[in-house]
Amino acid sequence: MRTIAIIQARMSSSRLPGKVLRPILGRPMLAWQIERMRRARLIDRLVVATSAEPGDDALAEFCARENIDCHRGSLNDVLGRFFGAAQAFGPAEHVVRLTGDCPLGDPEIVDACIALHVANGADYTSNSVSRTYPDGLDVEAMTFDALERAARGASTDYEREHVTPHLYRNPEKFRLDVLRSPRDLTRLRWTVDKPADFAFAARVFAELVPANPAFSWRDILALVEARPDIAAINA
């Protein structure tokens, strides 16, 4: 079994432009996410998929400097770009979708999603469609075959822009599964979409990295439950 993980990233975020390369403790936010995802045991290759637009040249240059596999494709047809990355860096039986606005993503949760996906023979498995984990720990696993069928069959702008709706909106065509958290933590927001979200993520790294650079999502949970002032940054 071979699994490719693809991180979607772009510089043209409307609410927080350039966020993926904004520095946290002197390193681009995306570099922290890649470091964390490389600790996932069930990922064989990690790829960044960005657009071919000139505005994303800086992101491609970052990948080249850091020796990170990078695929460039359409800005708006993100499904086409994502499938292109899977083709370019395959072959693989399974593909994992991650997004560059989740620097606190956890390799343990990624591995759990992949393991569940494979064990149950699903076409698509995620923890984000029926959410129980904090927003920002999102992971989606799919077979390469299911991704190819989606890439060939998705026709609406929404399906092309958001990559996986064609999968989870068609349960009659695809076998779906869900990874659930032991606790309902949907109230927590750990993604980076707005300036306050970035401030929260930067604070979490500043608090946890000195003692344990490989901190887990449980460490973040313990921090925000013990420090409501940190949780309030982007509440």
C-alpha atoms as a PDB file:
ATOM      1  CA  MET A   1       0.000   0.000   0.000  1.00  0.00           C
ATOM      2  CA  ARG A   2       1.369   3.400  -0.973  1.00  0.00           C
ATOM      3  CA  THR A   3      -0.134   6.648   0.229  1.00  0.00           C
ATOM      4  CA  ILE A   4       0.545  10.182  -1.001  1.00  0.00           C
ATOM      5  CA  ALA A   5      -0.448  13.175   1.109  1.00  0.00           C
ATOM      6  CA  ILE A   6      -1.087  16.423  -0.768  1.00  0.00           C
ATOM      7  CA  ILE A   7      -1.176  19.786   1.002  1.00  0.00           C
ATOM      8  CA  GLN A   8      -3.168  22.410  -0.905  1.00  0.00           C
ATOM      9  CA  ALA A   9      -1.622  25.823  -0.445  1.00  0.00           C
ATOM     10  CA  ARG A  10      -1.770  29.226  -2.096  1.00  0.00           C
ATOM     11  CA  MET A  11      -0.675  32.767  -1.372  1.00  0.00           C
ATOM     12  CA  SER A  12      -3.901  34.468  -2.482  1.00  0.00           C
ATOM     13  CA  SER A  13      -6.054  34.012   0.616  1.00  0.00           C
ATOM     14  CA  SER A  14      -8.626  36.811   0.633  1.00  0.00           C
ATOM     15  CA  ARG A  15      -8.730  37.243   4.419  1.00  0.00           C
ATOM     16  CA  LEU A  16      -5.048  36.699   5.196  1.00  0.00           C
ATOM     17  CA  PRO A  17      -2.885  36.960   2.054  1.00  0.00           C
ATOM     18  CA  GLY A  18       0.374  35.044   2.136  1.00  0.00           C
ATOM     19  CA  LYS A  19      -0.555  33.287   5.367  1.00  0.00           C
ATOM     20  CA  VAL A  20       1.120  29.978   4.494  1.00  0.00           C
ATOM     21  CA  LEU A  21       4.554  31.662   4.443  1.00  0.00           C
ATOM     22  CA  ARG A  22       3.973  33.971   7.404  1.00  0.00           C
ATOM     23  CA  PRO A  23       6.652  33.299  10.014  1.00  0.00           C
ATOM     24  CA  ILE A  24       6.014  31.531  13.295  1.00  0.00           C
ATOM     25  CA  LEU A  25       9.078  31.392  15.547  1.00  0.00           C
ATOM     26  CA  GLY A  26      11.175  32.409  12.539  1.00  0.00           C
ATOM     27  CA  ARG A  27       9.873  29.704  10.160  1.00  0.00           C
ATOM     28  CA  PRO A  28       7.083  29.825   7.561  1.00  0.00           C
ATOM     29  CA  MET A  29       3.803  28.480   8.886  1.00  0.00           C
ATOM     30  CA  LEU A  30       3.755  25.872   6.125  1.00  0.00           C
ATOM     31  CA  ALA A  31       7.195  24.596   7.176  1.00  0.00           C
ATOM     32  CA  TRP A  32       5.800  23.759  10.620  1.00  0.00           C
ATOM     33  CA  GLN A  33       2.865  21.915   9.088  1.00  0.00           C
ATOM     34  CA  ILE A  34       5.112  19.910   6.766  1.00  0.00           C
ATOM     35  CA  GLU A  35       7.385  18.969   9.672  1.00  0.00           C
ATOM     36  CA  ARG A  36       4.382  17.739  11.628  1.00  0.00           C
ATOM     37  CA  MET A  37       2.911  15.794   8.719  1.00  0.00           C
ATOM     38  CA  ARG A  38       6.228  14.085   7.992  1.00  0.00           C
ATOM     39  CA  ARG A  39       5.878  12.322  11.325  1.00  0.00           C
ATOM     40  CA  ALA A  40       2.823  10.414  10.066  1.00  0.00           C
ATOM     41  CA  ARG A  41       3.846   6.772   9.760  1.00  0.00           C
ATOM     42  CA  LEU A  42       1.366   5.866   7.016  1.00  0.00           C
ATOM     43  CA  ILE A  43       2.320   8.616   4.547  1.00  0.00           C
ATOM     44  CA  ASP A  44       4.894   7.565   1.960  1.00  0.00           C
ATOM     45  CA  ARG A  45       5.249  10.872   0.117  1.00  0.00           C
ATOM     46  CA  LEU A  46       4.263  14.452   0.912  1.00  0.00           C
ATOM     47  CA  VAL A  47       3.521  16.938  -1.869  1.00  0.00           C
ATOM     48  CA  VAL A  48       2.512  20.602  -1.931  1.00  0.00           C
ATOM     49  CA  ALA A  49      -0.009  21.492  -4.646  1.00  0.00           C
ATOM     50  CA  THR A  50      -0.195  25.173  -5.522  1.00  0.00           C
ATOM     51  CA  SER A  51      -1.318  27.176  -8.523  1.00  0.00           C
ATOM     52  CA  ALA A  52       0.626  28.116 -11.630  1.00  0.00           C
ATOM     53  CA  GLU A  53      -0.221  31.800 -11.065  1.00  0.00           C
ATOM     54  CA  PRO A  54       2.743  34.195 -10.631  1.00  0.00           C
ATOM     55  CA  GLY A  55       1.420  35.053  -7.170  1.00  0.00           C
ATOM     56  CA  ASP A  56       2.326  31.544  -6.044  1.00  0.00           C
ATOM     57  CA  ASP A  57       5.912  31.672  -7.317  1.00  0.00           C
ATOM     58  CA  ALA A  58       7.125  32.403  -3.786  1.00  0.00           C
ATOM     59  CA  LEU A  59       5.473  29.224  -2.563  1.00  0.00           C
ATOM     60  CA  ALA A  60       7.086  27.138  -5.309  1.00  0.00           C
ATOM     61  CA  GLU A  61      10.441  28.744  -4.505  1.00  0.00           C
ATOM     62  CA  PHE A  62      10.004  27.860  -0.833  1.00  0.00           C
ATOM     63  CA  CYS A  63       9.367  24.224  -1.789  1.00  0.00           C
ATOM     64  CA  ALA A  64      12.457  24.185  -4.009  1.00  0.00           C
ATOM     65  CA  ARG A  65      14.660  25.608  -1.222  1.00  0.00           C
ATOM     66  CA  GLU A  66      13.327  23.114   1.298  1.00  0.00           C
ATOM     67  CA  ASN A  67      13.472  20.126  -1.084  1.00  0.00           C
ATOM     68  CA  ILE A  68       9.705  19.617  -0.894  1.00  0.00           C
ATOM     69  CA  ASP A  69       7.859  18.013  -3.808  1.00  0.00           C
ATOM     70  CA  CYS A  70       5.642  20.624  -5.474  1.00  0.00           C
ATOM     71  CA  HIS A  71       3.005  20.449  -8.190  1.00  0.00           C
ATOM     72  CA  ARG A  72       1.499  23.510  -9.873  1.00  0.00           C
ATOM     73  CA  GLY A  73      -1.860  23.635 -11.622  1.00  0.00           C
ATOM     74  CA  SER A  74      -5.059  25.617 -12.026  1.00  0.00           C
ATOM     75  CA  LEU A  75      -5.889  28.248  -9.415  1.00  0.00           C
ATOM     76  CA  ASN A  76      -9.654  27.706  -9.619  1.00  0.00           C
ATOM     77  CA  ASP A  77      -9.948  24.061 -10.701  1.00  0.00           C
ATOM     78  CA  VAL A  78      -8.453  22.831  -7.441  1.00  0.00           C
ATOM     79  CA  LEU A  79      -9.749  19.305  -8.008  1.00  0.00           C
ATOM     80  CA  GLY A  80      -7.884  19.184 -11.311  1.00  0.00           C
ATOM     81  CA  ARG A  81      -4.759  20.514  -9.608  1.00  0.00           C
ATOM     82  CA  PHE A  82      -5.077  18.006  -6.782  1.00  0.00           C
ATOM     83  CA  PHE A  83      -5.573  15.064  -9.139  1.00  0.00           C
ATOM     84  CA  GLY A  84      -2.658  16.288 -11.238  1.00  0.00           C
ATOM     85  CA  ALA A  85      -0.425  16.209  -8.165  1.00  0.00           C
ATOM     86  CA  ALA A  86      -1.521  12.654  -7.381  1.00  0.00           C
ATOM     87  CA  GLN A  87      -0.757  11.609 -10.955  1.00  0.00           C
ATOM     88  CA  ALA A  88       2.596  13.396 -11.052  1.00  0.00           C
ATOM     89  CA  PHE A  89       3.903  11.880  -7.836  1.00  0.00           C
ATOM     90  CA  GLY A  90       2.208   8.483  -8.017  1.00  0.00           C
ATOM     91  CA  PRO A  91       1.511   5.714  -8.389  1.00  0.00           C
ATOM     92  CA  ALA A  92      -0.382   5.350  -5.126  1.00  0.00           C
ATOM     93  CA  GLU A  93      -3.335   3.348  -3.911  1.00  0.00           C
ATOM     94  CA  HIS A  94      -4.488   6.076  -1.512  1.00  0.00           C
ATOM     95  CA  VAL A  95      -4.354   9.871  -1.452  1.00  0.00           C
ATOM     96  CA  VAL A  96      -4.681  12.114   1.610  1.00  0.00           C
ATOM     97  CA  ARG A  97      -5.935  15.680   1.307  1.00  0.00           C
ATOM     98  CA  LEU A  98      -4.574  18.310   3.679  1.00  0.00           C
ATOM     99  CA  THR A  99      -4.832  22.094   3.480  1.00  0.00           C
ATOM    100  CA  GLY A 100      -2.191  24.726   4.172  1.00  0.00           C
ATOM    101  CA  ASP A 101      -4.380  26.561   6.677  1.00  0.00           C
ATOM    102  CA  CYS A 102      -4.006  23.756   9.259  1.00  0.00           C
ATOM    103  CA  PRO A 103      -0.503  24.164  10.761  1.00  0.00           C
ATOM    104  CA  LEU A 104      -1.606  22.390  13.945  1.00  0.00           C
ATOM    105  CA  GLY A 105      -2.671  19.256  12.071  1.00  0.00           C
ATOM    106  CA  ASP A 106      -1.650  16.102  13.888  1.00  0.00           C
ATOM    107  CA  PRO A 107       0.172  13.075  12.408  1.00  0.00           C
ATOM    108  CA  GLU A 108      -1.579  10.735  14.845  1.00  0.00           C
ATOM    109  CA  ILE A 109      -4.984  11.785  13.504  1.00  0.00           C
ATOM    110  CA  VAL A 110      -3.748  11.493   9.920  1.00  0.00           C
ATOM    111  CA  ASP A 111      -2.562   7.946  10.615  1.00  0.00           C
ATOM    112  CA  ALA A 112      -5.836   7.078  12.347  1.00  0.00           C
ATOM    113  CA  CYS A 113      -7.833   8.287   9.345  1.00  0.00           C
ATOM    114  CA  ILE A 114      -5.699   6.333   6.877  1.00  0.00           C
ATOM    115  CA  ALA A 115      -5.837   3.196   9.021  1.00  0.00           C
ATOM    116  CA  LEU A 116      -9.625   3.351   9.341  1.00  0.00           C
ATOM    117  CA  HIS A 117      -9.978   4.061   5.629  1.00  0.00           C
ATOM    118  CA  VAL A 118      -7.910   1.037   4.638  1.00  0.00           C
ATOM    119  CA  ALA A 119      -9.315  -1.331   7.273  1.00  0.00           C
ATOM    120  CA  ASN A 120     -12.917  -0.678   6.229  1.00  0.00           C
ATOM    121  CA  GLY A 121     -12.278  -0.629   2.496  1.00  0.00           C
ATOM    122  CA  ALA A 122     -13.795   2.820   2.067  1.00  0.00           C
ATOM    123  CA  ASP A 123     -13.530   5.002  -1.006  1.00  0.00           C
ATOM    124  CA  TYR A 124     -13.450   8.164   1.118  1.00  0.00           C
ATOM    125  CA  THR A 125     -12.856   8.691   4.839  1.00  0.00           C
ATOM    126  CA  SER A 126     -12.630  11.978   6.716  1.00  0.00           C
ATOM    127  CA  ASN A 127     -13.011  13.672  10.076  1.00  0.00           C
ATOM    128  CA  SER A 128     -14.308  16.928   8.591  1.00  0.00           C
ATOM    129  CA  VAL A 129     -17.641  16.175   6.915  1.00  0.00           C
ATOM    130  CA  SER A 130     -19.221  14.960  10.172  1.00  0.00           C
ATOM    131  CA  ARG A 131     -17.001  17.009  12.444  1.00  0.00           C
ATOM    132  CA  THR A 132     -16.092  16.021  16.022  1.00  0.00           C
ATOM    133  CA  TYR A 133     -12.446  17.187  16.077  1.00  0.00           C
ATOM    134  CA  PRO A 134     -11.461  20.866  16.331  1.00  0.00           C
ATOM    135  CA  ASP A 135     -11.630  22.795  13.070  1.00  0.00           C
ATOM    136  CA  GLY A 136      -8.012  22.712  11.899  1.00  0.00           C
ATOM    137  CA  LEU A 137      -7.254  19.023  12.420  1.00  0.00           C
ATOM    138  CA  ASP A 138      -8.932  18.136   9.129  1.00  0.00           C
ATOM    139  CA  VAL A 139      -7.852  15.100   7.145  1.00  0.00           C
ATOM    140  CA  GLU A 140      -9.451  13.335   4.181  1.00  0.00           C
ATOM    141  CA  ALA A 141      -8.317   9.990   2.758  1.00  0.00           C
ATOM    142  CA  MET A 142      -9.506   8.539  -0.531  1.00  0.00           C
ATOM    143  CA  THR A 143      -8.529   5.824  -2.941  1.00  0.00           C
ATOM    144  CA  PHE A 144      -6.748   6.959  -6.066  1.00  0.00           C
ATOM    145  CA  ASP A 145      -9.550   5.345  -8.052  1.00  0.00           C
ATOM    146  CA  ALA A 146     -12.213   7.371  -6.240  1.00  0.00           C
ATOM    147  CA  LEU A 147     -10.216  10.574  -6.752  1.00  0.00           C
ATOM    148  CA  GLU A 148      -9.891   9.823 -10.453  1.00  0.00           C
ATOM    149  CA  ARG A 149     -13.631   9.176 -10.748  1.00  0.00           C
ATOM    150  CA  ALA A 150     -14.321  12.483  -8.991  1.00  0.00           C
ATOM    151  CA  ALA A 151     -11.864  14.345 -11.217  1.00  0.00           C
ATOM    152  CA  ARG A 152     -13.583  12.936 -14.305  1.00  0.00           C
ATOM    153  CA  GLY A 153     -17.153  13.273 -13.023  1.00  0.00           C
ATOM    154  CA  ALA A 154     -17.302  16.500 -10.986  1.00  0.00           C
ATOM    155  CA  SER A 155     -18.894  19.241 -13.071  1.00  0.00           C
ATOM    156  CA  THR A 156     -20.004  22.131 -10.855  1.00  0.00           C
ATOM    157  CA  ASP A 157     -17.771  25.033  -9.902  1.00  0.00           C
ATOM    158  CA  TYR A 158     -18.224  24.126  -6.234  1.00  0.00           C
ATOM    159  CA  GLU A 159     -17.088  20.540  -6.779  1.00  0.00           C
ATOM    160  CA  ARG A 160     -14.067  21.655  -8.782  1.00  0.00           C
ATOM    161  CA  GLU A 161     -13.037  24.328  -6.271  1.00  0.00           C
ATOM    162  CA  HIS A 162     -13.470  22.260  -3.086  1.00  0.00           C
ATOM    163  CA  VAL A 163     -12.054  18.920  -4.351  1.00  0.00           C
ATOM    164  CA  THR A 164     -14.023  16.331  -2.351  1.00  0.00           C
ATOM    165  CA  PRO A 165     -17.774  17.251  -2.378  1.00  0.00           C
ATOM    166  CA  HIS A 166     -18.342  15.001  -5.390  1.00  0.00           C
ATOM    167  CA  LEU A 167     -17.209  12.114  -3.185  1.00  0.00           C
ATOM    168  CA  TYR A 168     -19.102  12.738   0.045  1.00  0.00           C
ATOM    169  CA  ARG A 169     -22.255  14.045  -1.659  1.00  0.00           C
ATOM    170  CA  ASN A 170     -22.686  10.823  -3.653  1.00  0.00           C
ATOM    171  CA  PRO A 171     -22.904   7.976  -1.117  1.00  0.00           C
ATOM    172  CA  GLU A 172     -24.645   5.840  -3.710  1.00  0.00           C
ATOM    173  CA  LYS A 173     -21.454   5.935  -5.810  1.00  0.00           C
ATOM    174  CA  PHE A 174     -18.749   5.936  -3.125  1.00  0.00           C
ATOM    175  CA  ARG A 175     -18.269   4.007   0.123  1.00  0.00           C
ATOM    176  CA  LEU A 176     -17.901   6.626   2.862  1.00  0.00           C
ATOM    177  CA  ASP A 177     -16.495   6.396   6.376  1.00  0.00           C
ATOM    178  CA  VAL A 178     -15.991   8.838   9.249  1.00  0.00           C
ATOM    179  CA  LEU A 179     -13.206   9.202  11.809  1.00  0.00           C
ATOM    180  CA  ARG A 180     -14.695  10.426  15.093  1.00  0.00           C
ATOM    181  CA  SER A 181     -13.051  11.978  18.133  1.00  0.00           C
ATOM    182  CA  PRO A 182     -13.643  10.413  21.572  1.00  0.00           C
ATOM    183  CA  ARG A 183     -15.006  13.844  22.591  1.00  0.00           C
ATOM    184  CA  ASP A 184     -17.064  16.380  20.686  1.00  0.00           C
ATOM    185  CA  LEU A 185     -14.603  19.250  20.221  1.00  0.00           C
ATOM    186  CA  THR A 186     -16.347  21.075  17.392  1.00  0.00           C
ATOM    187  CA  ARG A 187     -16.457  24.271  19.444  1.00  0.00           C
ATOM    188  CA  LEU A 188     -12.680  24.683  19.047  1.00  0.00           C
ATOM    189  CA  ARG A 189     -11.154  26.602  16.139  1.00  0.00           C
ATOM    190  CA  TRP A 190      -7.529  25.753  15.313  1.00  0.00           C
ATOM    191  CA  THR A 191      -7.510  26.561  11.599  1.00  0.00           C
ATOM    192  CA  VAL A 192      -5.893  29.738  10.213  1.00  0.00           C
ATOM    193  CA  ASP A 193      -8.257  31.863   8.179  1.00  0.00           C
ATOM    194  CA  LYS A 194      -8.136  35.303   9.803  1.00  0.00           C
ATOM    195  CA  PRO A 195      -5.479  37.365  11.641  1.00  0.00           C
ATOM    196  CA  ALA A 196      -6.809  36.233  15.025  1.00  0.00           C
ATOM    197  CA  ASP A 197      -6.475  32.592  13.943  1.00  0.00           C
ATOM    198  CA  PHE A 198      -2.844  33.170  12.992  1.00  0.00           C
ATOM    199  CA  ALA A 199      -2.218  34.869  16.343  1.00  0.00           C
ATOM    200  CA  PHE A 200      -3.710  31.838  18.103  1.00  0.00           C
ATOM    201  CA  ALA A 201      -1.586  29.338  16.164  1.00  0.00           C
ATOM    202  CA  ALA A 202       1.575  31.384  16.702  1.00  0.00           C
ATOM    203  CA  ARG A 203       0.875  31.508  20.433  1.00  0.00           C
ATOM    204  CA  VAL A 204       0.343  27.742  20.596  1.00  0.00           C
ATOM    205  CA  PHE A 205       3.683  27.099  18.898  1.00  0.00           C
ATOM    206  CA  ALA A 206       5.413  29.611  21.181  1.00  0.00           C
ATOM    207  CA  GLU A 207       3.961  27.948  24.274  1.00  0.00           C
ATOM    208  CA  LEU A 208       4.543  24.312  23.307  1.00  0.00           C
ATOM    209  CA  VAL A 209       7.608  24.100  21.050  1.00  0.00           C
ATOM    210  CA  PRO A 210      10.252  24.919  23.713  1.00  0.00           C
ATOM    211  CA  ALA A 211       9.285  21.912  25.835  1.00  0.00           C
ATOM    212  CA  ASN A 212       8.253  19.556  23.025  1.00  0.00           C
ATOM    213  CA  PRO A 213       8.628  20.449  19.320  1.00  0.00           C
ATOM    214  CA  ALA A 214       6.600  17.314  18.465  1.00  0.00           C
ATOM    215  CA  PHE A 215       3.623  18.342  20.586  1.00  0.00           C
ATOM    216  CA  SER A 216       0.335  16.581  19.878  1.00  0.00           C
ATOM    217  CA  TRP A 217      -3.241  17.748  19.523  1.00  0.00           C
ATOM    218  CA  ARG A 218      -3.799  16.551  23.102  1.00  0.00           C
ATOM    219  CA  ASP A 219      -1.115  18.991  24.264  1.00  0.00           C
ATOM    220  CA  ILE A 220      -2.938  21.807  22.467  1.00  0.00           C
ATOM    221  CA  LEU A 221      -6.209  20.743  24.065  1.00  0.00           C
ATOM    222  CA  ALA A 222      -4.623  20.695  27.524  1.00  0.00           C
ATOM    223  CA  LEU A 223      -3.139  24.148  26.883  1.00  0.00           C
ATOM    224  CA  VAL A 224      -6.376  25.802  25.791  1.00  0.00           C
ATOM    225  CA  GLU A 225      -8.354  24.170  28.602  1.00  0.00           C
ATOM    226  CA  ALA A 226      -5.823  25.372  31.178  1.00  0.00           C
ATOM    227  CA  ARG A 227      -5.381  28.813  29.569  1.00  0.00           C
ATOM    228  CA  PRO A 228      -8.706  30.346  28.565  1.00  0.00           C
ATOM    229  CA  ASP A 229      -6.853  33.537  27.627  1.00  0.00           C
ATOM    230  CA  ILE A 230      -5.184  31.644  24.763  1.00  0.00           C
ATOM    231  CA  ALA A 231      -8.434  29.988  23.685  1.00  0.00           C
ATOM    232  CA  ALA A 232     -10.051  33.429  23.613  1.00  0.00           C
ATOM    233  CA  ILE A 233      -7.593  34.812  21.040  1.00  0.00           C
ATOM    234  CA  ASN A 234      -9.742  33.603  18.143  1.00  0.00           C
ATOM    235  CA  ALA A 235     -12.871  32.402  19.941  1.00  0.00           C
END
